[in-house]
Amino acid sequence: MTDAPDTLDPRTPVLVGVGQVADPVTADDYHRWSAADLAGEASRRAVQDAGLGPDAAEAIDAVAAIDTIAVVRQFEISTPGAVAPLGKSDNIARSVAARIGADPRRAVLEVVGGQGPQHLVTEFCRSIADGESEVVLLTGSEAISTVRALAGRDDAPDFTETVGGQLEDRGMQVDDLHVPYEVRHGLLGAPPEYAVFENARRRRLGMTREEYATQMGELFAPFTSVAAANPYAAAPTERTAEELATVTERNRLIADPYPRFMVARDQVNQGAAVLLTSVGKARDLGVPQDRWVFLHGYCDLTERTVLERADLSVSPASVSSARTAVERAGITADDLRFLDLYSCFPVPVFNICDGLGITPDDPRGLTLTGGLPFFGGAGNNYSMHAIAEMVDRLRDNPGTFGFVGANGGWMTKYSSGVYSTTPVAFARWDDTPLQAELDAVPAPDIVEHYSGPATVESYTVTTDLNRDWIGVVVARTPDNARLLAVSEPGTSDDVIGLLMSDAVFGSTLEIRQDGDRNIICGTTRDTTQEAQA
């Protein structure tokens, strides 16, 4: 249901400004900006984007009115024990505030995860509607390219800042991402985790390796075209589906089935920001109404840990989040004019497409930025860029609707938002019943220590530091319990060959327990399946 602007509650939240910035190391005007610099520049642009000139009294008033700055956590502070090679701010929210002349009463550092930008929009729209906040700046950035290019050099910049002040540090909250059993068996980091989901989907669809590689390439080729036209993209190169899918020396295999071109690109220097306020405050500040964008639907849901999922080929929580946000907006997926589906790898895109009945070649396109492998991963902050792009599209197409899907962890946390310039009263929805339904689905039995035969459910093959092939398998025991097993360096070609063949699914492996790990020690090939393949 939509409302006339004049009838809206003055506390109705509205997005009024967005900003993006990139500082590629190859640019003639490369600034060597820190994460705080990038976020600060994006924030300055967001204020200007609200229709407030850089030196106008209204812009000064808007900055002074910012009562909350919430920052998406950078990668270098997202992993326990990680080191920031060039230094870091002790309070990046207040470092950003200093760069734009703000002095917020509340500074927030969000948890780890790509769901963060959309989750923060939802959270602080609610906060504004409840009268707890009035003007909120959301921002995030990564300077990973600069860190990798300059760390250790004599002329390296020092990004250390000690600003102190209040900070609501929400912590990393990564316990559900770094499960010890998974880590011991090689499921550490995004590529192998997502590869297990991808291969499980291939199994469900009954596709050969070649067929599935082609499907992934055809999904992502249009993304490269969008990235090639995006001035903020980290890899603005248009590529064909065949280029993306074909393993070469340059496009080496990262974690089967992913060549390098299909993996999220985290080596970026990018920042983005979103300025939120209330309808009443927007009027007071003189923000033109043609800058206003409303949140019509939203939903945040969480999936179980990887091995507890009934079906490794899907994420029901992600689909439910997306579907619910669209339904709450009072529309259908067909009514969406613009889409940005989180695309760190193909499978999160396929998952939402499959769940919402959207074809991978939908003429609307599935990304506004170019996607994480081509626009750039931008760490946990990617979807802030997607939201910024969405706001621009909707302003140019008043009355249309757009969807942003933000994914965190291993398809673990999914935050969905539906936006439009059409005015609407803010609705307070409770996701708790939906989460309870997801949590009530029975989980498979899990065996941590096992010796004996096991049937392959899904897998990936990656390499260790010596570039030796390592197989990681999710398998089922004869009584259908789920387990993890890993091959040791130098494992026979039979094991790796089976895992990278069309005969892998349903084949039997011999497993032996070795301390805290289950080791793949041999194969019992399913000759019937091989003949059919």
Protein backbone atom coordinates (compact mmCIF):
# COMPACT_ATOMS: atom_id res chain seq x y z
CA MET A 1 0.00 0.00 0.00
CA THR A 2 1.36 3.42 -0.94
CA ASP A 3 0.69 6.77 0.66
CA ALA A 4 0.69 10.39 -0.44
CA PRO A 5 3.88 12.12 0.79
CA ASP A 6 1.94 14.69 2.77
CA THR A 7 0.06 12.02 4.72
CA LEU A 8 3.14 10.12 5.85
CA ASP A 9 4.16 10.02 9.48
CA PRO A 10 7.06 12.53 9.74
CA ARG A 11 9.15 9.73 11.27
CA THR A 12 8.87 7.58 8.13
CA PRO A 13 12.43 6.55 7.17
CA VAL A 14 13.77 7.45 3.75
CA LEU A 15 17.06 7.05 1.88
CA VAL A 16 18.13 10.48 0.68
CA GLY A 17 21.76 10.19 -0.36
CA VAL A 18 24.22 7.63 -1.70
CA GLY A 19 27.88 7.83 -2.60
CA GLN A 20 30.53 5.60 -4.12
CA VAL A 21 34.25 5.93 -4.68
CA ALA A 22 37.09 3.85 -6.12
CA ASP A 23 40.84 4.41 -5.93
CA PRO A 24 42.48 1.85 -8.26
CA VAL A 25 46.23 1.51 -7.94
CA THR A 26 46.54 1.83 -11.73
CA ALA A 27 44.78 5.20 -11.93
CA ASP A 28 46.71 8.32 -12.90
CA ASP A 29 45.25 10.08 -9.87
CA TYR A 30 45.77 7.20 -7.44
CA HIS A 31 45.41 8.64 -3.93
CA ARG A 32 46.65 5.73 -1.78
CA TRP A 33 43.57 6.23 0.39
CA SER A 34 43.01 4.26 3.57
CA ALA A 35 39.74 2.52 4.38
CA ALA A 36 38.77 5.55 6.47
CA ASP A 37 39.64 7.89 3.60
CA LEU A 38 37.53 5.87 1.14
CA ALA A 39 34.56 5.69 3.49
CA GLY A 40 34.92 9.39 4.25
CA GLU A 41 34.92 10.35 0.58
CA ALA A 42 31.92 8.12 -0.15
CA SER A 43 30.11 9.70 2.83
CA ARG A 44 30.86 13.22 1.60
CA ARG A 45 29.39 12.26 -1.77
CA ALA A 46 26.31 10.79 -0.12
CA VAL A 47 25.58 14.12 1.56
CA GLN A 48 25.99 15.93 -1.74
CA ASP A 49 23.79 13.36 -3.47
CA ALA A 50 20.94 14.36 -1.16
CA GLY A 51 20.69 17.51 -3.26
CA LEU A 52 22.68 19.55 -0.78
CA GLY A 53 25.57 21.48 -2.30
CA PRO A 54 29.03 20.84 -0.84
CA ASP A 55 29.26 24.30 0.71
CA ALA A 56 25.57 25.02 1.23
CA ALA A 57 24.24 25.74 4.69
CA GLU A 58 21.83 22.80 4.25
CA ALA A 59 24.76 20.41 3.70
CA ILE A 60 26.47 21.72 6.82
CA ASP A 61 23.22 21.30 8.72
CA ALA A 62 22.82 17.75 7.42
CA VAL A 63 26.30 16.73 8.55
CA ALA A 64 25.75 18.36 11.93
CA ALA A 65 22.45 16.47 12.26
CA ILE A 66 24.03 13.03 11.81
CA ASP A 67 23.42 11.33 15.14
CA THR A 68 24.62 7.84 14.16
CA ILE A 69 27.38 6.50 11.95
CA ALA A 70 27.40 2.73 11.39
CA VAL A 71 30.33 1.18 9.54
CA VAL A 72 30.57 -2.20 7.86
CA ARG A 73 33.55 -4.14 9.21
CA GLN A 74 36.66 -4.28 7.00
CA PHE A 75 38.18 -7.64 6.08
CA GLU A 76 41.38 -6.93 8.02
CA ILE A 77 39.36 -6.82 11.25
CA SER A 78 37.00 -9.65 10.31
CA THR A 79 39.23 -12.63 11.12
CA PRO A 80 40.51 -13.52 14.59
CA GLY A 81 44.22 -12.79 14.81
CA ALA A 82 44.37 -10.90 11.52
CA VAL A 83 46.94 -8.13 11.15
CA ALA A 84 46.43 -4.82 9.37
CA PRO A 85 49.79 -4.46 7.55
CA LEU A 86 49.49 -0.69 7.08
CA GLY A 87 47.76 0.00 10.37
CA LYS A 88 44.14 0.83 11.10
CA SER A 89 41.86 3.17 12.99
CA ASP A 90 40.87 2.26 16.52
CA ASN A 91 37.41 3.68 15.76
CA ILE A 92 36.77 3.86 12.05
CA ALA A 93 33.26 5.25 12.50
CA ARG A 94 34.67 8.31 14.24
CA SER A 95 37.56 8.51 11.77
CA VAL A 96 34.95 8.83 9.03
CA ALA A 97 33.01 11.36 11.09
CA ALA A 98 36.11 13.53 11.42
CA ARG A 99 36.61 13.54 7.67
CA ILE A 100 33.18 15.03 7.01
CA GLY A 101 32.95 17.21 10.10
CA ALA A 102 30.33 15.12 11.92
CA ASP A 103 30.14 14.40 15.63
CA PRO A 104 27.57 11.61 16.08
CA ARG A 105 26.42 10.59 19.52
CA ARG A 106 26.50 6.94 18.43
CA ALA A 107 29.17 5.06 16.48
CA VAL A 108 28.61 1.43 15.43
CA LEU A 109 30.91 -1.23 13.96
CA GLU A 110 28.86 -4.02 12.40
CA VAL A 111 29.49 -7.78 12.59
CA VAL A 112 31.20 -9.80 9.86
CA GLY A 113 29.18 -10.68 6.77
CA GLY A 114 28.00 -9.43 3.42
CA GLN A 115 24.49 -9.15 4.80
CA GLY A 116 25.66 -6.13 6.78
CA PRO A 117 24.78 -3.21 4.47
CA GLN A 118 21.17 -4.28 3.89
CA HIS A 119 20.77 -5.35 7.50
CA LEU A 120 21.94 -1.92 8.65
CA VAL A 121 19.48 -0.17 6.32
CA THR A 122 16.65 -2.24 7.77
CA GLU A 123 17.81 -1.77 11.36
CA PHE A 124 18.20 1.97 11.16
CA CYS A 125 15.04 2.53 9.15
CA ARG A 126 13.32 0.93 12.11
CA SER A 127 15.34 3.06 14.52
CA ILE A 128 14.31 6.23 12.68
CA ALA A 129 10.67 5.15 12.60
CA ASP A 130 10.80 4.50 16.35
CA GLY A 131 12.27 7.94 17.01
CA GLU A 132 15.57 6.56 18.32
CA SER A 133 17.58 8.12 15.48
CA GLU A 134 16.97 10.95 13.06
CA VAL A 135 19.89 11.16 10.61
CA VAL A 136 22.01 8.03 10.09
CA LEU A 137 25.07 7.54 7.90
CA LEU A 138 25.91 3.99 6.82
CA THR A 139 29.26 3.40 5.18
CA GLY A 140 31.97 0.87 4.50
CA SER A 141 35.12 0.45 2.46
CA GLU A 142 38.12 -1.69 1.64
CA ALA A 143 41.68 -0.65 0.73
CA ILE A 144 42.91 -4.19 0.10
CA SER A 145 44.58 -3.36 -3.22
CA THR A 146 46.66 -0.64 -1.60
CA VAL A 147 47.61 -2.87 1.31
CA ARG A 148 48.77 -5.64 -1.02
CA ALA A 149 50.60 -3.24 -3.31
CA LEU A 150 52.41 -1.17 -0.69
CA ALA A 151 52.82 -3.25 2.48
CA GLY A 152 56.50 -3.71 3.27
CA ARG A 153 57.70 -0.89 1.03
CA ASP A 154 59.78 1.98 2.36
CA ASP A 155 57.24 4.49 1.06
CA ALA A 156 54.20 2.65 2.43
CA PRO A 157 51.61 4.92 4.08
CA ASP A 158 50.71 4.51 7.73
CA PHE A 159 46.95 4.12 8.18
CA THR A 160 47.13 4.02 11.98
CA GLU A 161 44.66 6.38 13.64
CA THR A 162 43.92 6.77 17.34
CA VAL A 163 40.71 8.72 17.72
CA GLY A 164 39.04 7.03 20.70
CA GLY A 165 35.51 7.93 21.67
CA GLN A 166 32.35 5.86 22.03
CA LEU A 167 32.10 2.81 19.76
CA GLU A 168 29.51 0.06 19.76
CA ASP A 169 31.70 -2.76 18.46
CA ARG A 170 29.37 -5.68 17.81
CA GLY A 171 32.22 -8.15 17.46
CA MET A 172 32.99 -10.49 14.60
CA GLN A 173 30.37 -13.14 15.42
CA VAL A 174 32.01 -15.77 13.19
CA ASP A 175 31.58 -18.90 15.33
CA ASP A 176 29.03 -20.28 12.86
CA LEU A 177 31.48 -19.70 9.98
CA HIS A 178 34.61 -21.29 11.43
CA VAL A 179 33.31 -24.64 12.65
CA PRO A 180 36.32 -26.67 13.91
CA TYR A 181 35.17 -29.92 12.24
CA GLU A 182 34.94 -28.16 8.88
CA VAL A 183 38.25 -26.34 9.31
CA ARG A 184 40.09 -29.59 10.14
CA HIS A 185 38.85 -31.06 6.88
CA GLY A 186 39.73 -28.22 4.54
CA LEU A 187 36.47 -26.27 4.49
CA LEU A 188 38.13 -23.00 5.42
CA GLY A 189 37.24 -19.87 3.50
CA ALA A 190 34.66 -19.08 0.89
CA PRO A 191 35.82 -20.94 -2.28
CA PRO A 192 35.74 -24.51 -0.90
CA GLU A 193 32.55 -23.91 1.10
CA TYR A 194 30.66 -22.53 -1.89
CA ALA A 195 32.15 -25.16 -4.18
CA VAL A 196 30.49 -27.84 -2.04
CA PHE A 197 27.12 -26.11 -2.55
CA GLU A 198 27.76 -25.65 -6.26
CA ASN A 199 28.63 -29.30 -6.81
CA ALA A 200 25.61 -30.39 -4.77
CA ARG A 201 23.44 -28.32 -7.10
CA ARG A 202 25.09 -29.95 -10.11
CA ARG A 203 24.29 -33.33 -8.62
CA ARG A 204 20.65 -32.37 -8.03
CA LEU A 205 20.28 -31.20 -11.63
CA GLY A 206 22.03 -34.28 -13.04
CA MET A 207 24.45 -32.20 -15.12
CA THR A 208 27.91 -33.14 -16.33
CA ARG A 209 30.93 -31.07 -15.34
CA GLU A 210 31.08 -29.50 -18.78
CA GLU A 211 27.37 -28.69 -18.84
CA TYR A 212 27.49 -27.07 -15.44
CA ALA A 213 30.63 -25.07 -16.23
CA THR A 214 28.85 -23.73 -19.30
CA GLN A 215 25.83 -22.77 -17.20
CA MET A 216 28.02 -20.88 -14.72
CA GLY A 217 29.77 -19.07 -17.56
CA GLU A 218 26.49 -18.11 -19.19
CA LEU A 219 25.22 -16.78 -15.86
CA PHE A 220 28.23 -14.54 -15.27
CA ALA A 221 29.04 -13.33 -18.79
CA PRO A 222 26.35 -10.58 -18.64
CA PHE A 223 27.75 -9.51 -15.27
CA THR A 224 31.09 -8.74 -16.93
CA SER A 225 29.30 -6.47 -19.42
CA VAL A 226 27.76 -4.48 -16.57
CA ALA A 227 31.11 -4.24 -14.80
CA ALA A 228 32.83 -3.07 -17.97
CA ALA A 229 30.51 -0.04 -18.04
CA ASN A 230 30.79 0.74 -14.31
CA PRO A 231 33.34 3.45 -13.44
CA TYR A 232 33.81 2.00 -9.96
CA ALA A 233 34.47 -1.60 -11.08
CA ALA A 234 37.73 -3.27 -10.07
CA ALA A 235 37.82 -5.56 -13.13
CA PRO A 236 35.96 -3.75 -15.94
CA THR A 237 36.64 -6.36 -18.62
CA GLU A 238 33.90 -7.94 -20.70
CA ARG A 239 34.31 -11.71 -21.05
CA THR A 240 32.47 -14.48 -22.85
CA ALA A 241 30.88 -17.44 -21.11
CA GLU A 242 33.58 -19.66 -22.61
CA GLU A 243 36.36 -17.46 -21.23
CA LEU A 244 34.86 -17.61 -17.77
CA ALA A 245 34.29 -21.36 -17.80
CA THR A 246 37.54 -22.55 -19.37
CA VAL A 247 40.40 -23.39 -17.02
CA THR A 248 43.67 -21.93 -18.25
CA GLU A 249 46.97 -20.95 -16.68
CA ARG A 250 45.56 -17.46 -16.06
CA ASN A 251 42.08 -18.69 -15.15
CA ARG A 252 43.40 -21.41 -12.87
CA LEU A 253 41.20 -23.67 -10.79
CA ILE A 254 40.70 -22.24 -7.30
CA ALA A 255 38.28 -24.80 -5.86
CA ASP A 256 36.52 -27.17 -8.24
CA PRO A 257 34.31 -26.15 -10.06
CA TYR A 258 35.53 -22.53 -9.79
CA PRO A 259 38.17 -21.05 -12.05
CA ARG A 260 39.61 -17.77 -10.81
CA PHE A 261 37.31 -15.58 -12.94
CA MET A 262 34.25 -16.93 -11.10
CA VAL A 263 35.52 -16.12 -7.61
CA ALA A 264 34.67 -12.89 -5.76
CA ARG A 265 37.43 -10.33 -6.24
CA ASP A 266 38.46 -8.94 -2.86
CA GLN A 267 41.48 -7.01 -4.13
CA VAL A 268 39.74 -3.64 -4.37
CA ASN A 269 39.94 -0.05 -3.20
CA GLN A 270 36.28 0.91 -2.92
CA GLY A 271 33.90 2.69 -0.59
CA ALA A 272 30.17 3.36 -0.47
CA ALA A 273 27.76 5.20 1.81
CA VAL A 274 24.03 5.65 2.34
CA LEU A 275 22.38 8.56 4.16
CA LEU A 276 19.09 7.83 5.95
CA THR A 277 16.73 10.20 7.66
CA SER A 278 13.05 10.73 8.36
CA VAL A 279 10.56 12.37 6.03
CA GLY A 280 10.15 15.20 8.51
CA LYS A 281 13.89 15.82 8.82
CA ALA A 282 14.37 15.55 5.05
CA ARG A 283 11.89 18.38 4.66
CA ASP A 284 13.60 20.42 7.38
CA LEU A 285 16.97 19.98 5.66
CA GLY A 286 15.57 20.89 2.27
CA VAL A 287 16.22 17.52 0.63
CA PRO A 288 14.25 17.56 -2.66
CA GLN A 289 11.55 14.92 -2.79
CA ASP A 290 12.94 13.53 -6.05
CA ARG A 291 15.92 12.26 -4.00
CA TRP A 292 13.74 10.17 -1.66
CA VAL A 293 13.71 6.36 -1.86
CA PHE A 294 11.63 4.20 0.49
CA LEU A 295 12.17 0.71 1.90
CA HIS A 296 8.99 -1.18 1.00
CA GLY A 297 9.88 -4.68 2.12
CA TYR A 298 12.65 -6.37 4.06
CA CYS A 299 13.56 -9.63 5.76
CA ASP A 300 16.63 -11.03 7.58
CA LEU A 301 17.03 -14.78 8.04
CA THR A 302 19.83 -17.14 9.02
CA GLU A 303 20.71 -20.61 7.74
CA ARG A 304 22.14 -23.44 9.81
CA THR A 305 25.81 -24.35 9.76
CA VAL A 306 26.83 -26.14 6.58
CA LEU A 307 26.68 -29.77 7.72
CA GLU A 308 23.35 -29.25 9.49
CA ARG A 309 21.57 -28.36 6.25
CA ALA A 310 19.21 -30.97 4.89
CA ASP A 311 20.08 -30.16 1.26
CA LEU A 312 23.50 -28.72 0.45
CA SER A 313 22.33 -27.49 -2.94
CA VAL A 314 20.00 -24.80 -1.61
CA SER A 315 19.67 -22.16 1.09
CA PRO A 316 16.01 -22.05 2.15
CA ALA A 317 16.72 -19.12 4.49
CA SER A 318 18.02 -17.00 1.61
CA VAL A 319 15.04 -17.83 -0.58
CA SER A 320 12.56 -17.24 2.24
CA SER A 321 14.20 -13.89 3.00
CA ALA A 322 13.96 -12.77 -0.63
CA ARG A 323 10.43 -14.06 -1.16
CA THR A 324 9.17 -12.54 2.10
CA ALA A 325 10.66 -9.11 1.38
CA VAL A 326 8.93 -9.06 -2.02
CA GLU A 327 5.61 -10.22 -0.57
CA ARG A 328 5.79 -7.63 2.22
CA ALA A 329 6.25 -4.96 -0.44
CA GLY A 330 2.89 -6.06 -1.87
CA ILE A 331 4.32 -7.09 -5.23
CA THR A 332 5.60 -10.18 -7.01
CA ALA A 333 9.04 -10.96 -8.41
CA ASP A 334 7.68 -10.12 -11.86
CA ASP A 335 6.97 -6.57 -10.66
CA LEU A 336 10.64 -5.91 -9.87
CA ARG A 337 12.26 -3.66 -12.47
CA PHE A 338 15.79 -3.92 -11.04
CA LEU A 339 17.65 -6.73 -9.33
CA ASP A 340 20.99 -7.07 -7.61
CA LEU A 341 21.59 -10.62 -6.42
CA TYR A 342 24.65 -11.21 -4.28
CA SER A 343 27.13 -12.97 -6.54
CA CYS A 344 30.31 -13.96 -4.71
CA PHE A 345 29.98 -17.24 -6.66
CA PRO A 346 27.34 -18.53 -9.07
CA VAL A 347 25.39 -20.65 -6.58
CA PRO A 348 23.97 -17.80 -4.44
CA VAL A 349 22.59 -16.27 -7.64
CA PHE A 350 21.18 -19.59 -8.86
CA ASN A 351 19.66 -20.17 -5.42
CA ILE A 352 17.57 -16.98 -5.52
CA CYS A 353 16.70 -17.40 -9.18
CA ASP A 354 15.53 -20.96 -8.56
CA GLY A 355 13.60 -19.91 -5.47
CA LEU A 356 11.84 -16.91 -7.03
CA GLY A 357 11.27 -18.41 -10.47
CA ILE A 358 13.67 -16.00 -12.21
CA THR A 359 15.59 -17.36 -15.19
CA PRO A 360 19.37 -16.77 -15.20
CA ASP A 361 19.02 -14.97 -18.54
CA ASP A 362 16.23 -12.68 -17.31
CA PRO A 363 16.27 -9.58 -19.56
CA ARG A 364 16.17 -7.30 -16.50
CA GLY A 365 19.63 -8.49 -15.56
CA LEU A 366 20.68 -9.85 -12.18
CA THR A 367 23.25 -7.24 -11.15
CA LEU A 368 23.47 -3.45 -11.10
CA THR A 369 27.17 -3.24 -10.29
CA GLY A 370 28.70 -6.07 -12.28
CA GLY A 371 28.86 -8.53 -9.39
CA LEU A 372 31.55 -9.44 -6.90
CA PRO A 373 33.99 -11.22 -9.25
CA PHE A 374 34.00 -8.30 -11.70
CA PHE A 375 32.82 -5.14 -9.97
CA GLY A 376 34.69 -6.26 -6.90
CA GLY A 377 33.99 -8.00 -3.63
CA ALA A 378 34.44 -4.84 -1.57
CA GLY A 379 34.68 -7.14 1.44
CA ASN A 380 31.60 -7.18 3.64
CA ASN A 381 30.49 -3.88 2.05
CA TYR A 382 29.59 -5.03 -1.46
CA SER A 383 25.83 -4.56 -1.06
CA MET A 384 26.27 -0.94 0.04
CA HIS A 385 27.37 -0.37 -3.57
CA ALA A 386 24.35 -2.34 -4.80
CA ILE A 387 22.02 -0.16 -2.71
CA ALA A 388 23.70 2.98 -4.04
CA GLU A 389 23.23 1.79 -7.61
CA MET A 390 19.64 0.85 -6.85
CA VAL A 391 18.82 4.31 -5.51
CA ASP A 392 20.19 5.88 -8.70
CA ARG A 393 18.14 3.56 -10.94
CA LEU A 394 14.92 4.11 -9.03
CA ARG A 395 15.27 7.88 -9.09
CA ASP A 396 15.66 7.69 -12.85
CA ASN A 397 12.61 5.42 -13.07
CA PRO A 398 10.11 6.76 -10.50
CA GLY A 399 7.48 4.35 -9.27
CA THR A 400 9.41 1.20 -10.19
CA PHE A 401 10.64 -1.40 -7.69
CA GLY A 402 14.07 -2.87 -7.08
CA PHE A 403 15.42 -5.80 -5.04
CA VAL A 404 18.77 -6.04 -3.25
CA GLY A 405 19.83 -9.38 -1.81
CA ALA A 406 22.79 -9.31 0.60
CA ASN A 407 24.47 -12.58 1.51
CA GLY A 408 26.79 -13.28 4.44
CA GLY A 409 28.93 -16.24 5.39
CA TRP A 410 28.44 -19.47 3.48
CA MET A 411 24.92 -18.62 2.31
CA THR A 412 24.40 -18.28 6.05
CA LYS A 413 22.79 -14.88 6.60
CA TYR A 414 20.58 -13.22 4.01
CA SER A 415 19.20 -9.70 4.20
CA SER A 416 16.71 -8.61 1.54
CA GLY A 417 15.37 -5.18 0.70
CA VAL A 418 12.75 -3.94 -1.77
CA TYR A 419 12.95 -0.26 -2.68
CA SER A 420 10.94 2.31 -4.61
CA THR A 421 10.51 6.08 -4.90
CA THR A 422 6.82 5.48 -4.24
CA PRO A 423 6.05 6.82 -0.74
CA VAL A 424 4.98 4.20 1.77
CA ALA A 425 4.44 4.04 5.51
CA PHE A 426 7.12 2.06 7.30
CA ALA A 427 5.93 -1.36 8.48
CA ARG A 428 7.45 -3.19 11.45
CA TRP A 429 7.65 -6.87 10.60
CA ASP A 430 8.89 -9.64 12.87
CA ASP A 431 11.09 -12.30 11.26
CA THR A 432 11.10 -14.53 14.35
CA PRO A 433 8.27 -16.89 13.24
CA LEU A 434 9.95 -17.46 9.86
CA GLN A 435 13.27 -18.17 11.55
CA ALA A 436 11.59 -20.64 13.90
CA GLU A 437 10.15 -22.53 10.92
CA LEU A 438 13.57 -22.81 9.32
CA ASP A 439 15.17 -23.95 12.57
CA ALA A 440 12.52 -26.64 13.06
CA VAL A 441 13.45 -28.58 9.91
CA PRO A 442 15.20 -31.85 10.91
CA ALA A 443 18.97 -31.86 10.43
CA PRO A 444 21.01 -34.86 9.28
CA ASP A 445 22.91 -36.92 11.82
CA ILE A 446 26.58 -35.91 11.76
CA VAL A 447 29.51 -38.22 12.47
CA GLU A 448 32.80 -36.53 13.31
CA HIS A 449 35.02 -39.63 13.58
CA TYR A 450 34.56 -42.46 11.13
CA SER A 451 36.26 -45.38 9.44
CA GLY A 452 34.64 -47.42 6.68
CA PRO A 453 32.85 -46.92 3.36
CA ALA A 454 31.01 -43.67 2.61
CA THR A 455 29.04 -42.44 -0.39
CA VAL A 456 29.91 -39.08 -1.95
CA GLU A 457 27.22 -36.43 -1.46
CA SER A 458 29.25 -33.42 -2.56
CA TYR A 459 32.88 -32.40 -2.77
CA THR A 460 35.50 -29.96 -3.95
CA VAL A 461 39.12 -30.24 -5.02
CA THR A 462 41.52 -27.45 -4.15
CA THR A 463 45.27 -27.07 -3.63
CA ASP A 464 47.52 -26.66 -0.62
CA LEU A 465 50.46 -24.25 -0.30
CA ASN A 466 52.59 -26.62 -2.40
CA ARG A 467 49.92 -26.71 -5.11
CA ASP A 468 49.21 -30.37 -4.40
CA TRP A 469 45.61 -31.38 -5.10
CA ILE A 470 43.46 -31.84 -2.00
CA GLY A 471 40.03 -33.44 -2.10
CA VAL A 472 37.35 -32.47 0.43
CA VAL A 473 34.25 -34.63 0.53
CA VAL A 474 30.85 -34.51 2.20
CA ALA A 475 29.73 -38.12 2.37
CA ARG A 476 27.12 -40.40 3.87
CA THR A 477 27.71 -43.54 5.91
CA PRO A 478 25.71 -46.72 5.20
CA ASP A 479 23.17 -45.57 7.84
CA ASN A 480 22.92 -42.15 6.13
CA ALA A 481 24.85 -40.09 8.68
CA ARG A 482 26.81 -37.20 7.19
CA LEU A 483 30.57 -36.81 7.55
CA LEU A 484 33.52 -34.88 6.21
CA ALA A 485 36.69 -36.44 4.82
CA VAL A 486 39.83 -35.02 3.25
CA SER A 487 42.60 -36.45 1.11
CA GLU A 488 46.25 -36.11 2.10
CA PRO A 489 48.87 -34.55 -0.18
CA GLY A 490 50.12 -37.16 -2.58
CA THR A 491 46.87 -39.11 -2.55
CA SER A 492 46.59 -41.50 -5.47
CA ASP A 493 45.37 -40.19 -8.77
CA ASP A 494 42.40 -42.54 -8.44
CA VAL A 495 40.91 -40.42 -5.65
CA ILE A 496 41.45 -37.02 -7.28
CA GLY A 497 40.51 -38.42 -10.68
CA LEU A 498 37.22 -39.77 -9.34
CA LEU A 499 36.38 -36.51 -7.59
CA MET A 500 36.94 -34.54 -10.79
CA SER A 501 34.95 -36.91 -12.98
CA ASP A 502 31.27 -37.20 -13.86
CA ALA A 503 31.21 -40.47 -11.90
CA VAL A 504 31.84 -38.83 -8.54
CA PHE A 505 28.30 -38.58 -7.16
CA GLY A 506 27.10 -41.74 -5.47
CA SER A 507 30.55 -43.32 -5.65
CA THR A 508 31.98 -45.02 -2.58
CA LEU A 509 35.17 -43.94 -0.83
CA GLU A 510 37.11 -45.79 1.82
CA ILE A 511 37.59 -43.60 4.89
CA ARG A 512 39.87 -44.08 7.86
CA GLN A 513 39.96 -42.06 11.02
CA ASP A 514 43.32 -40.44 11.75
CA GLY A 515 43.23 -38.43 14.95
CA ASP A 516 40.66 -35.67 14.54
CA ARG A 517 40.42 -36.10 10.78
CA ASN A 518 38.72 -38.54 8.45
CA ILE A 519 41.11 -39.38 5.63
CA ILE A 520 40.15 -40.56 2.14
CA CYS A 521 42.34 -43.60 1.57
CA GLY A 522 40.83 -45.19 -1.53
CA THR A 523 37.91 -45.57 -3.91
CA THR A 524 35.38 -48.20 -4.75
CA ARG A 525 34.16 -47.04 -8.13
CA ASP A 526 30.47 -47.32 -9.02
CA THR A 527 30.91 -48.88 -12.45
CA THR A 528 27.18 -48.73 -13.19
CA GLN A 529 27.16 -44.96 -12.71
CA GLU A 530 30.36 -44.61 -14.75
CA ALA A 531 28.77 -46.51 -17.62
CA GLN A 532 25.70 -44.28 -17.46
CA ALA A 533 27.87 -41.14 -17.34
